[in-house]
Amino acid sequence: ASKHALQGFFNSLRTELTDYPEISIINICPGPVQSKIIQNVFTENL
C-alpha cells in the first residue's frame, strides 16, 4: 500500500511539473535485493 501510494504520488507530481522540463521524477522499482531490509521488517505489532 505504501509503495502504491508513492507510485501514485510521484506519477501525479510529474504531471504538475510540466513547466519545469529539467526537473525529472524517476521511480525505481526493485525486486528482491540483498540488503538488511528483511531484518528490520514490520511484523504483527510494533
All heavy atoms as atom14 arrays in JSON, in Angstrom:
{
  "sequence": "ASKHALQGFFNSLRTELTDYPEISIINICPGPVQSKIIQNVFTENL",
  "atom14_mask": [
    [1, 1, 1, 1, 1, 0, 0, 0, 0, 0, 0, 0, 0, 0],
    [1, 1, 1, 1, 1, 1, 0, 0, 0, 0, 0, 0, 0, 0],
    [1, 1, 1, 1, 1, 1, 1, 1, 1, 0, 0, 0, 0, 0],
    [1, 1, 1, 1, 1, 1, 1, 1, 1, 1, 0, 0, 0, 0],
    [1, 1, 1, 1, 1, 0, 0, 0, 0, 0, 0, 0, 0, 0],
    [1, 1, 1, 1, 1, 1, 1, 1, 0, 0, 0, 0, 0, 0],
    [1, 1, 1, 1, 1, 1, 1, 1, 1, 0, 0, 0, 0, 0],
    [1, 1, 1, 1, 0, 0, 0, 0, 0, 0, 0, 0, 0, 0],
    [1, 1, 1, 1, 1, 1, 1, 1, 1, 1, 1, 0, 0, 0],
    [1, 1, 1, 1, 1, 1, 1, 1, 1, 1, 1, 0, 0, 0],
    [1, 1, 1, 1, 1, 1, 1, 1, 0, 0, 0, 0, 0, 0],
    [1, 1, 1, 1, 1, 1, 0, 0, 0, 0, 0, 0, 0, 0],
    [1, 1, 1, 1, 1, 1, 1, 1, 0, 0, 0, 0, 0, 0],
    [1, 1, 1, 1, 1, 1, 1, 1, 1, 1, 1, 0, 0, 0],
    [1, 1, 1, 1, 1, 1, 1, 0, 0, 0, 0, 0, 0, 0],
    [1, 1, 1, 1, 1, 1, 1, 1, 1, 0, 0, 0, 0, 0],
    [1, 1, 1, 1, 1, 1, 1, 1, 0, 0, 0, 0, 0, 0],
    [1, 1, 1, 1, 1, 1, 1, 0, 0, 0, 0, 0, 0, 0],
    [1, 1, 1, 1, 1, 1, 1, 1, 0, 0, 0, 0, 0, 0],
    [1, 1, 1, 1, 1, 1, 1, 1, 1, 1, 1, 1, 0, 0],
    [1, 1, 1, 1, 1, 1, 1, 0, 0, 0, 0, 0, 0, 0],
    [1, 1, 1, 1, 1, 1, 1, 1, 1, 0, 0, 0, 0, 0],
    [1, 1, 1, 1, 1, 1, 1, 1, 0, 0, 0, 0, 0, 0],
    [1, 1, 1, 1, 1, 1, 0, 0, 0, 0, 0, 0, 0, 0],
    [1, 1, 1, 1, 1, 1, 1, 1, 0, 0, 0, 0, 0, 0],
    [1, 1, 1, 1, 1, 1, 1, 1, 0, 0, 0, 0, 0, 0],
    [1, 1, 1, 1, 1, 1, 1, 1, 0, 0, 0, 0, 0, 0],
    [1, 1, 1, 1, 1, 1, 1, 1, 0, 0, 0, 0, 0, 0],
    [1, 1, 1, 1, 1, 1, 0, 0, 0, 0, 0, 0, 0, 0],
    [1, 1, 1, 1, 1, 1, 1, 0, 0, 0, 0, 0, 0, 0],
    [1, 1, 1, 1, 0, 0, 0, 0, 0, 0, 0, 0, 0, 0],
    [1, 1, 1, 1, 1, 1, 1, 0, 0, 0, 0, 0, 0, 0],
    [1, 1, 1, 1, 1, 1, 1, 0, 0, 0, 0, 0, 0, 0],
    [1, 1, 1, 1, 1, 1, 1, 1, 1, 0, 0, 0, 0, 0],
    [1, 1, 1, 1, 1, 1, 0, 0, 0, 0, 0, 0, 0, 0],
    [1, 1, 1, 1, 1, 1, 1, 1, 1, 0, 0, 0, 0, 0],
    [1, 1, 1, 1, 1, 1, 1, 1, 0, 0, 0, 0, 0, 0],
    [1, 1, 1, 1, 1, 1, 1, 1, 0, 0, 0, 0, 0, 0],
    [1, 1, 1, 1, 1, 1, 1, 1, 1, 0, 0, 0, 0, 0],
    [1, 1, 1, 1, 1, 1, 1, 1, 0, 0, 0, 0, 0, 0],
    [1, 1, 1, 1, 1, 1, 1, 0, 0, 0, 0, 0, 0, 0],
    [1, 1, 1, 1, 1, 1, 1, 1, 1, 1, 1, 0, 0, 0],
    [1, 1, 1, 1, 1, 1, 1, 0, 0, 0, 0, 0, 0, 0],
    [1, 1, 1, 1, 1, 1, 1, 1, 1, 0, 0, 0, 0, 0],
    [1, 1, 1, 1, 1, 1, 1, 1, 0, 0, 0, 0, 0, 0],
    [1, 1, 1, 1, 1, 1, 1, 1, 0, 0, 0, 0, 0, 0]
  ],
  "atom14_positions": [
    [[0.83, -1.2, 0.0], [0.0, 0.0, 0.0], [0.87, 1.25, 0.0], [0.58, 2.22, -0.71], [-0.93, -0.01, 1.21], [0.0, 0.0, 0.0], [0.0, 0.0, 0.0], [0.0, 0.0, 0.0], [0.0, 0.0, 0.0], [0.0, 0.0, 0.0], [0.0, 0.0, 0.0], [0.0, 0.0, 0.0], [0.0, 0.0, 0.0], [0.0, 0.0, 0.0]],
    [[1.94, 1.26, 0.81], [2.8, 2.45, 0.87], [3.53, 2.68, -0.45], [3.72, 3.82, -0.87], [3.81, 2.3, 2.01], [4.78, 1.3, 1.75], [0.0, 0.0, 0.0], [0.0, 0.0, 0.0], [0.0, 0.0, 0.0], [0.0, 0.0, 0.0], [0.0, 0.0, 0.0], [0.0, 0.0, 0.0], [0.0, 0.0, 0.0], [0.0, 0.0, 0.0]],
    [[3.93, 1.6, -1.12], [4.63, 1.74, -2.39], [3.66, 2.12, -3.51], [4.02, 2.88, -4.42], [5.37, 0.44, -2.74], [6.5, 0.11, -1.77], [7.54, 1.22, -1.71], [8.71, 0.86, -0.82], [9.77, 1.89, -0.8], [0.0, 0.0, 0.0], [0.0, 0.0, 0.0], [0.0, 0.0, 0.0], [0.0, 0.0, 0.0], [0.0, 0.0, 0.0]],
    [[2.43, 1.6, -3.47], [1.41, 2.06, -4.42], [1.16, 3.55, -4.23], [0.96, 4.29, -5.21], [0.11, 1.28, -4.22], [0.05, -0.02, -4.95], [0.79, -1.12, -4.6], [-0.67, -0.39, -6.03], [0.53, -2.12, -5.42], [-0.35, -1.7, -6.3], [0.0, 0.0, 0.0], [0.0, 0.0, 0.0], [0.0, 0.0, 0.0], [0.0, 0.0, 0.0]],
    [[1.15, 3.99, -2.97], [0.93, 5.42, -2.69], [2.05, 6.26, -3.28], [1.8, 7.33, -3.87], [0.84, 5.64, -1.18], [0.0, 0.0, 0.0], [0.0, 0.0, 0.0], [0.0, 0.0, 0.0], [0.0, 0.0, 0.0], [0.0, 0.0, 0.0], [0.0, 0.0, 0.0], [0.0, 0.0, 0.0], [0.0, 0.0, 0.0], [0.0, 0.0, 0.0]],
    [[3.3, 5.81, -3.14], [4.43, 6.54, -3.71], [4.33, 6.6, -5.23], [4.59, 7.65, -5.84], [5.75, 5.89, -3.3], [6.18, 6.06, -1.85], [7.45, 5.27, -1.58], [6.4, 7.54, -1.52], [0.0, 0.0, 0.0], [0.0, 0.0, 0.0], [0.0, 0.0, 0.0], [0.0, 0.0, 0.0], [0.0, 0.0, 0.0], [0.0, 0.0, 0.0]],
    [[3.97, 5.48, -5.84], [3.82, 5.46, -7.3], [2.78, 6.48, -7.75], [3.0, 7.26, -8.68], [3.41, 4.06, -7.76], [4.46, 2.99, -7.6], [5.56, 3.08, -8.65], [6.68, 3.46, -8.35], [5.23, 2.72, -9.87], [0.0, 0.0, 0.0], [0.0, 0.0, 0.0], [0.0, 0.0, 0.0], [0.0, 0.0, 0.0], [0.0, 0.0, 0.0]],
    [[1.63, 6.46, -7.08], [0.56, 7.4, -7.45], [0.96, 8.84, -7.22], [0.67, 9.72, -8.05], [0.0, 0.0, 0.0], [0.0, 0.0, 0.0], [0.0, 0.0, 0.0], [0.0, 0.0, 0.0], [0.0, 0.0, 0.0], [0.0, 0.0, 0.0], [0.0, 0.0, 0.0], [0.0, 0.0, 0.0], [0.0, 0.0, 0.0], [0.0, 0.0, 0.0]],
    [[1.64, 9.1, -6.1], [2.04, 10.47, -5.79], [3.02, 11.01, -6.82], [2.83, 12.1, -7.37], [2.65, 10.54, -4.39], [3.24, 11.88, -4.07], [2.42, 12.93, -3.66], [4.6, 12.12, -4.22], [2.96, 14.18, -3.4], [5.15, 13.37, -3.95], [4.32, 14.4, -3.55], [0.0, 0.0, 0.0], [0.0, 0.0, 0.0], [0.0, 0.0, 0.0]],
    [[4.11, 10.27, -7.05], [5.15, 10.81, -7.93], [4.72, 10.82, -9.4], [5.15, 11.71, -10.16], [6.45, 10.04, -7.73], [7.17, 10.44, -6.48], [7.14, 9.62, -5.35], [7.84, 11.65, -6.4], [7.78, 10.01, -4.18], [8.48, 12.05, -5.23], [8.45, 11.22, -4.11], [0.0, 0.0, 0.0], [0.0, 0.0, 0.0], [0.0, 0.0, 0.0]],
    [[3.87, 9.89, -9.81], [3.34, 9.97, -11.17], [2.44, 11.19, -11.33], [2.4, 11.82, -12.4], [2.57, 8.69, -11.51], [3.48, 7.52, -11.78], [4.65, 7.69, -12.13], [2.97, 6.31, -11.63], [0.0, 0.0, 0.0], [0.0, 0.0, 0.0], [0.0, 0.0, 0.0], [0.0, 0.0, 0.0], [0.0, 0.0, 0.0], [0.0, 0.0, 0.0]],
    [[1.72, 11.54, -10.27], [0.89, 12.75, -10.3], [1.75, 14.01, -10.23], [1.49, 14.99, -10.95], [-0.1, 12.74, -9.14], [-0.98, 11.63, -9.22], [0.0, 0.0, 0.0], [0.0, 0.0, 0.0], [0.0, 0.0, 0.0], [0.0, 0.0, 0.0], [0.0, 0.0, 0.0], [0.0, 0.0, 0.0], [0.0, 0.0, 0.0], [0.0, 0.0, 0.0]],
    [[2.77, 13.98, -9.37], [3.66, 15.13, -9.24], [4.33, 15.45, -10.57], [4.47, 16.63, -10.93], [4.72, 14.87, -8.18], [5.76, 15.98, -7.97], [5.11, 17.28, -7.55], [6.81, 15.53, -6.95], [0.0, 0.0, 0.0], [0.0, 0.0, 0.0], [0.0, 0.0, 0.0], [0.0, 0.0, 0.0], [0.0, 0.0, 0.0], [0.0, 0.0, 0.0]],
    [[4.71, 14.42, -11.3], [5.36, 14.64, -12.6], [4.47, 15.47, -13.53], [4.96, 16.33, -14.27], [5.71, 13.3, -13.25], [6.61, 13.41, -14.47], [6.84, 12.07, -15.15], [7.55, 11.14, -14.29], [7.01, 10.04, -13.76], [5.71, 9.77, -13.98], [7.72, 9.22, -13.02], [0.0, 0.0, 0.0], [0.0, 0.0, 0.0], [0.0, 0.0, 0.0]],
    [[3.17, 15.22, -13.46], [2.25, 15.96, -14.34], [2.09, 17.41, -13.9], [1.62, 18.25, -14.68], [0.86, 15.29, -14.38], [0.24, 15.39, -13.09], [0.98, 13.82, -14.76], [0.0, 0.0, 0.0], [0.0, 0.0, 0.0], [0.0, 0.0, 0.0], [0.0, 0.0, 0.0], [0.0, 0.0, 0.0], [0.0, 0.0, 0.0], [0.0, 0.0, 0.0]],
    [[2.45, 17.72, -12.64], [2.37, 19.09, -12.15], [3.62, 19.9, -12.47], [3.66, 21.11, -12.21], [2.14, 19.09, -10.63], [0.79, 18.48, -10.22], [0.57, 18.54, -8.71], [1.4, 19.17, -8.02], [-0.42, 17.96, -8.23], [0.0, 0.0, 0.0], [0.0, 0.0, 0.0], [0.0, 0.0, 0.0], [0.0, 0.0, 0.0], [0.0, 0.0, 0.0]],
    [[4.64, 19.24, -13.0], [5.91, 19.91, -13.24], [6.22, 20.06, -14.73], [7.38, 20.15, -15.12], [7.04, 19.12, -12.56], [6.96, 19.03, -11.03], [8.03, 18.09, -10.49], [7.1, 20.41, -10.4], [0.0, 0.0, 0.0], [0.0, 0.0, 0.0], [0.0, 0.0, 0.0], [0.0, 0.0, 0.0], [0.0, 0.0, 0.0], [0.0, 0.0, 0.0]],
    [[5.19, 20.11, -15.55], [5.42, 20.21, -17.0], [6.07, 21.54, -17.39], [6.69, 21.64, -18.45], [4.09, 20.05, -17.76], [3.12, 20.99, -17.23], [3.56, 18.64, -17.61], [0.0, 0.0, 0.0], [0.0, 0.0, 0.0], [0.0, 0.0, 0.0], [0.0, 0.0, 0.0], [0.0, 0.0, 0.0], [0.0, 0.0, 0.0], [0.0, 0.0, 0.0]],
    [[5.94, 22.56, -16.54], [6.61, 23.84, -16.82], [8.09, 23.81, -16.43], [8.81, 24.8, -16.64], [5.92, 24.98, -16.06], [4.55, 25.31, -16.63], [4.32, 24.99, -17.82], [3.72, 25.88, -15.89], [0.0, 0.0, 0.0], [0.0, 0.0, 0.0], [0.0, 0.0, 0.0], [0.0, 0.0, 0.0], [0.0, 0.0, 0.0], [0.0, 0.0, 0.0]],
    [[8.53, 22.68, -15.88], [9.93, 22.54, -15.46], [10.51, 21.27, -16.08], [10.73, 20.26, -15.4], [10.03, 22.47, -13.93], [9.4, 23.65, -13.24], [8.07, 23.62, -12.83], [10.14, 24.81, -13.0], [7.48, 24.71, -12.2], [9.56, 25.91, -12.38], [8.23, 25.85, -11.98], [7.66, 26.94, -11.36], [0.0, 0.0, 0.0], [0.0, 0.0, 0.0]],
    [[10.77, 21.29, -17.39], [11.21, 20.09, -18.09], [12.54, 19.54, -17.62], [12.85, 18.37, -17.89], [11.28, 20.55, -19.55], [11.43, 22.04, -19.49], [10.66, 22.47, -18.28], [0.0, 0.0, 0.0], [0.0, 0.0, 0.0], [0.0, 0.0, 0.0], [0.0, 0.0, 0.0], [0.0, 0.0, 0.0], [0.0, 0.0, 0.0], [0.0, 0.0, 0.0]],
    [[13.34, 20.33, -16.91], [14.63, 19.85, -16.44], [14.58, 19.31, -15.0], [15.61, 19.02, -14.41], [15.68, 20.95, -16.55], [16.03, 21.32, -17.99], [17.26, 22.2, -18.07], [18.31, 21.81, -17.52], [17.17, 23.27, -18.68], [0.0, 0.0, 0.0], [0.0, 0.0, 0.0], [0.0, 0.0, 0.0], [0.0, 0.0, 0.0], [0.0, 0.0, 0.0]],
    [[13.36, 19.2, -14.46], [13.18, 18.5, -13.18], [12.61, 17.12, -13.49], [11.5, 17.0, -13.99], [12.25, 19.27, -12.23], [12.84, 20.64, -11.88], [12.01, 18.46, -10.96], [11.97, 21.47, -10.96], [0.0, 0.0, 0.0], [0.0, 0.0, 0.0], [0.0, 0.0, 0.0], [0.0, 0.0, 0.0], [0.0, 0.0, 0.0], [0.0, 0.0, 0.0]],
    [[13.39, 16.09, -13.21], [13.0, 14.72, -13.53], [12.45, 14.01, -12.3], [13.03, 14.1, -11.22], [14.21, 13.94, -14.07], [14.74, 14.56, -15.22], [0.0, 0.0, 0.0], [0.0, 0.0, 0.0], [0.0, 0.0, 0.0], [0.0, 0.0, 0.0], [0.0, 0.0, 0.0], [0.0, 0.0, 0.0], [0.0, 0.0, 0.0], [0.0, 0.0, 0.0]],
    [[11.35, 13.3, -12.49], [10.77, 12.44, -11.45], [10.99, 11.01, -11.9], [10.46, 10.57, -12.93], [9.27, 12.71, -11.25], [9.03, 14.19, -10.91], [8.7, 11.79, -10.18], [9.63, 14.62, -9.59], [0.0, 0.0, 0.0], [0.0, 0.0, 0.0], [0.0, 0.0, 0.0], [0.0, 0.0, 0.0], [0.0, 0.0, 0.0], [0.0, 0.0, 0.0]],
    [[11.79, 10.26, -11.13], [12.23, 8.93, -11.54], [11.83, 7.92, -10.46], [12.23, 8.05, -9.3], [13.76, 8.92, -11.73], [14.15, 9.94, -12.82], [14.27, 7.52, -12.06], [15.63, 10.27, -12.84], [0.0, 0.0, 0.0], [0.0, 0.0, 0.0], [0.0, 0.0, 0.0], [0.0, 0.0, 0.0], [0.0, 0.0, 0.0], [0.0, 0.0, 0.0]],
    [[11.04, 6.93, -10.84], [10.62, 5.88, -9.91], [11.41, 4.6, -10.19], [11.38, 4.08, -11.3], [9.12, 5.6, -10.06], [8.26, 6.76, -9.61], [8.69, 7.58, -8.79], [7.04, 6.84, -10.12], [0.0, 0.0, 0.0], [0.0, 0.0, 0.0], [0.0, 0.0, 0.0], [0.0, 0.0, 0.0], [0.0, 0.0, 0.0], [0.0, 0.0, 0.0]],
    [[12.1, 4.11, -9.18], [12.85, 2.87, -9.28], [12.08, 1.77, -8.57], [11.72, 1.92, -7.4], [14.26, 3.02, -8.66], [15.01, 4.19, -9.3], [15.04, 1.72, -8.77], [15.31, 4.0, -10.77], [0.0, 0.0, 0.0], [0.0, 0.0, 0.0], [0.0, 0.0, 0.0], [0.0, 0.0, 0.0], [0.0, 0.0, 0.0], [0.0, 0.0, 0.0]],
    [[11.85, 0.66, -9.26], [11.06, -0.44, -8.69], [11.9, -1.71, -8.63], [11.88, -2.52, -9.55], [9.81, -0.68, -9.53], [8.71, 0.74, -9.67], [0.0, 0.0, 0.0], [0.0, 0.0, 0.0], [0.0, 0.0, 0.0], [0.0, 0.0, 0.0], [0.0, 0.0, 0.0], [0.0, 0.0, 0.0], [0.0, 0.0, 0.0], [0.0, 0.0, 0.0]],
    [[12.66, -1.88, -7.55], [13.47, -3.1, -7.43], [12.62, -4.3, -7.03], [11.6, -4.16, -6.34], [14.48, -2.77, -6.33], [14.31, -1.3, -6.07], [12.92, -0.96, -6.46], [0.0, 0.0, 0.0], [0.0, 0.0, 0.0], [0.0, 0.0, 0.0], [0.0, 0.0, 0.0], [0.0, 0.0, 0.0], [0.0, 0.0, 0.0], [0.0, 0.0, 0.0]],
    [[13.07, -5.47, -7.45], [12.54, -6.72, -6.91], [13.35, -7.09, -5.68], [13.93, -6.22, -5.02], [0.0, 0.0, 0.0], [0.0, 0.0, 0.0], [0.0, 0.0, 0.0], [0.0, 0.0, 0.0], [0.0, 0.0, 0.0], [0.0, 0.0, 0.0], [0.0, 0.0, 0.0], [0.0, 0.0, 0.0], [0.0, 0.0, 0.0], [0.0, 0.0, 0.0]],
    [[13.45, -8.37, -5.36], [14.24, -8.79, -4.19], [15.72, -8.43, -4.35], [16.34, -8.78, -5.36], [14.04, -10.31, -4.16], [12.76, -10.55, -4.89], [12.71, -9.51, -5.96], [0.0, 0.0, 0.0], [0.0, 0.0, 0.0], [0.0, 0.0, 0.0], [0.0, 0.0, 0.0], [0.0, 0.0, 0.0], [0.0, 0.0, 0.0], [0.0, 0.0, 0.0]],
    [[16.26, -7.72, -3.39], [17.66, -7.29, -3.42], [18.3, -7.66, -2.08], [17.67, -7.57, -1.04], [17.77, -5.77, -3.65], [19.22, -5.3, -3.57], [17.17, -5.39, -4.99], [0.0, 0.0, 0.0], [0.0, 0.0, 0.0], [0.0, 0.0, 0.0], [0.0, 0.0, 0.0], [0.0, 0.0, 0.0], [0.0, 0.0, 0.0], [0.0, 0.0, 0.0]],
    [[19.56, -8.06, -2.13], [20.28, -8.4, -0.91], [20.51, -7.14, -0.08], [21.19, -6.23, -0.51], [21.63, -9.05, -1.27], [21.5, -10.39, -1.96], [22.83, -10.95, -2.43], [23.88, -10.42, -2.11], [22.78, -12.02, -3.21], [0.0, 0.0, 0.0], [0.0, 0.0, 0.0], [0.0, 0.0, 0.0], [0.0, 0.0, 0.0], [0.0, 0.0, 0.0]],
    [[19.89, -7.09, 1.07], [20.03, -5.94, 1.97], [19.57, -6.35, 3.35], [19.13, -7.48, 3.57], [19.21, -4.75, 1.47], [17.83, -4.96, 1.72], [0.0, 0.0, 0.0], [0.0, 0.0, 0.0], [0.0, 0.0, 0.0], [0.0, 0.0, 0.0], [0.0, 0.0, 0.0], [0.0, 0.0, 0.0], [0.0, 0.0, 0.0], [0.0, 0.0, 0.0]],
    [[19.64, -5.42, 4.28], [19.2, -5.7, 5.65], [17.74, -5.35, 5.86], [17.26, -5.35, 6.99], [20.08, -4.93, 6.64], [21.52, -5.43, 6.7], [22.31, -4.7, 7.78], [23.74, -5.24, 7.86], [24.53, -4.54, 8.92], [0.0, 0.0, 0.0], [0.0, 0.0, 0.0], [0.0, 0.0, 0.0], [0.0, 0.0, 0.0], [0.0, 0.0, 0.0]],
    [[17.03, -5.05, 4.78], [15.63, -4.64, 4.94], [14.81, -5.76, 5.57], [13.87, -5.51, 6.33], [15.03, -4.2, 3.58], [13.67, -3.52, 3.8], [14.91, -5.36, 2.62], [13.09, -2.87, 2.56], [0.0, 0.0, 0.0], [0.0, 0.0, 0.0], [0.0, 0.0, 0.0], [0.0, 0.0, 0.0], [0.0, 0.0, 0.0], [0.0, 0.0, 0.0]],
    [[15.17, -7.01, 5.25], [14.37, -8.12, 5.77], [14.54, -8.26, 7.28], [13.63, -8.68, 7.98], [14.76, -9.44, 5.05], [13.8, -10.57, 5.44], [16.19, -9.83, 5.36], [12.38, -10.35, 4.98], [0.0, 0.0, 0.0], [0.0, 0.0, 0.0], [0.0, 0.0, 0.0], [0.0, 0.0, 0.0], [0.0, 0.0, 0.0], [0.0, 0.0, 0.0]],
    [[15.74, -7.9, 7.81], [15.95, -8.0, 9.26], [15.19, -6.93, 10.03], [15.03, -7.04, 11.24], [17.44, -7.88, 9.61], [18.25, -9.13, 9.28], [18.96, -9.01, 7.93], [18.41, -8.41, 7.01], [20.14, -9.58, 7.82], [0.0, 0.0, 0.0], [0.0, 0.0, 0.0], [0.0, 0.0, 0.0], [0.0, 0.0, 0.0], [0.0, 0.0, 0.0]],
    [[14.72, -5.9, 9.35], [14.08, -4.77, 10.02], [12.61, -4.59, 9.63], [12.08, -3.5, 9.73], [14.85, -3.49, 9.71], [16.28, -3.54, 10.22], [16.51, -3.65, 11.41], [17.24, -3.48, 9.31], [0.0, 0.0, 0.0], [0.0, 0.0, 0.0], [0.0, 0.0, 0.0], [0.0, 0.0, 0.0], [0.0, 0.0, 0.0], [0.0, 0.0, 0.0]],
    [[11.98, -5.66, 9.18], [10.6, -5.54, 8.71], [9.63, -5.33, 9.86], [9.89, -5.71, 11.02], [10.17, -6.81, 7.92], [10.98, -6.97, 6.67], [10.26, -8.05, 8.8], [0.0, 0.0, 0.0], [0.0, 0.0, 0.0], [0.0, 0.0, 0.0], [0.0, 0.0, 0.0], [0.0, 0.0, 0.0], [0.0, 0.0, 0.0], [0.0, 0.0, 0.0]],
    [[8.5, -4.69, 9.54], [7.37, -4.65, 10.47], [6.75, -6.04, 10.55], [6.71, -6.77, 9.55], [6.32, -3.66, 9.99], [6.69, -2.21, 10.17], [7.11, -1.45, 9.08], [6.6, -1.61, 11.41], [7.44, -0.11, 9.24], [6.93, -0.27, 11.58], [7.35, 0.48, 10.49], [0.0, 0.0, 0.0], [0.0, 0.0, 0.0], [0.0, 0.0, 0.0]],
    [[6.23, -6.39, 11.72], [5.51, -7.65, 11.89], [4.1, -7.35, 12.41], [3.55, -6.29, 12.11], [6.27, -8.58, 12.86], [6.4, -7.93, 14.13], [7.65, -8.91, 12.31], [0.0, 0.0, 0.0], [0.0, 0.0, 0.0], [0.0, 0.0, 0.0], [0.0, 0.0, 0.0], [0.0, 0.0, 0.0], [0.0, 0.0, 0.0], [0.0, 0.0, 0.0]],
    [[3.54, -8.28, 13.2], [2.15, -8.09, 13.65], [1.96, -6.9, 14.56], [0.88, -6.3, 14.59], [1.65, -9.35, 14.37], [1.62, -10.6, 13.51], [2.88, -11.44, 13.68], [3.98, -10.91, 13.43], [2.74, -12.62, 14.07], [0.0, 0.0, 0.0], [0.0, 0.0, 0.0], [0.0, 0.0, 0.0], [0.0, 0.0, 0.0], [0.0, 0.0, 0.0]],
    [[2.98, -6.57, 15.33], [2.9, -5.4, 16.2], [4.23, -4.68, 16.21], [5.26, -5.24, 15.83], [2.44, -5.79, 17.61], [3.41, -6.74, 18.29], [4.51, -6.34, 18.67], [2.99, -8.0, 18.46], [0.0, 0.0, 0.0], [0.0, 0.0, 0.0], [0.0, 0.0, 0.0], [0.0, 0.0, 0.0], [0.0, 0.0, 0.0], [0.0, 0.0, 0.0]],
    [[4.23, -3.44, 16.65], [5.41, -2.59, 16.55], [6.58, -3.07, 17.39], [7.73, -2.77, 17.09], [5.04, -1.15, 16.94], [4.05, -0.44, 16.02], [3.7, 0.93, 16.58], [4.63, -0.31, 14.61], [0.0, 0.0, 0.0], [0.0, 0.0, 0.0], [0.0, 0.0, 0.0], [0.0, 0.0, 0.0], [0.0, 0.0, 0.0], [0.0, 0.0, 0.0]]
  ]
}
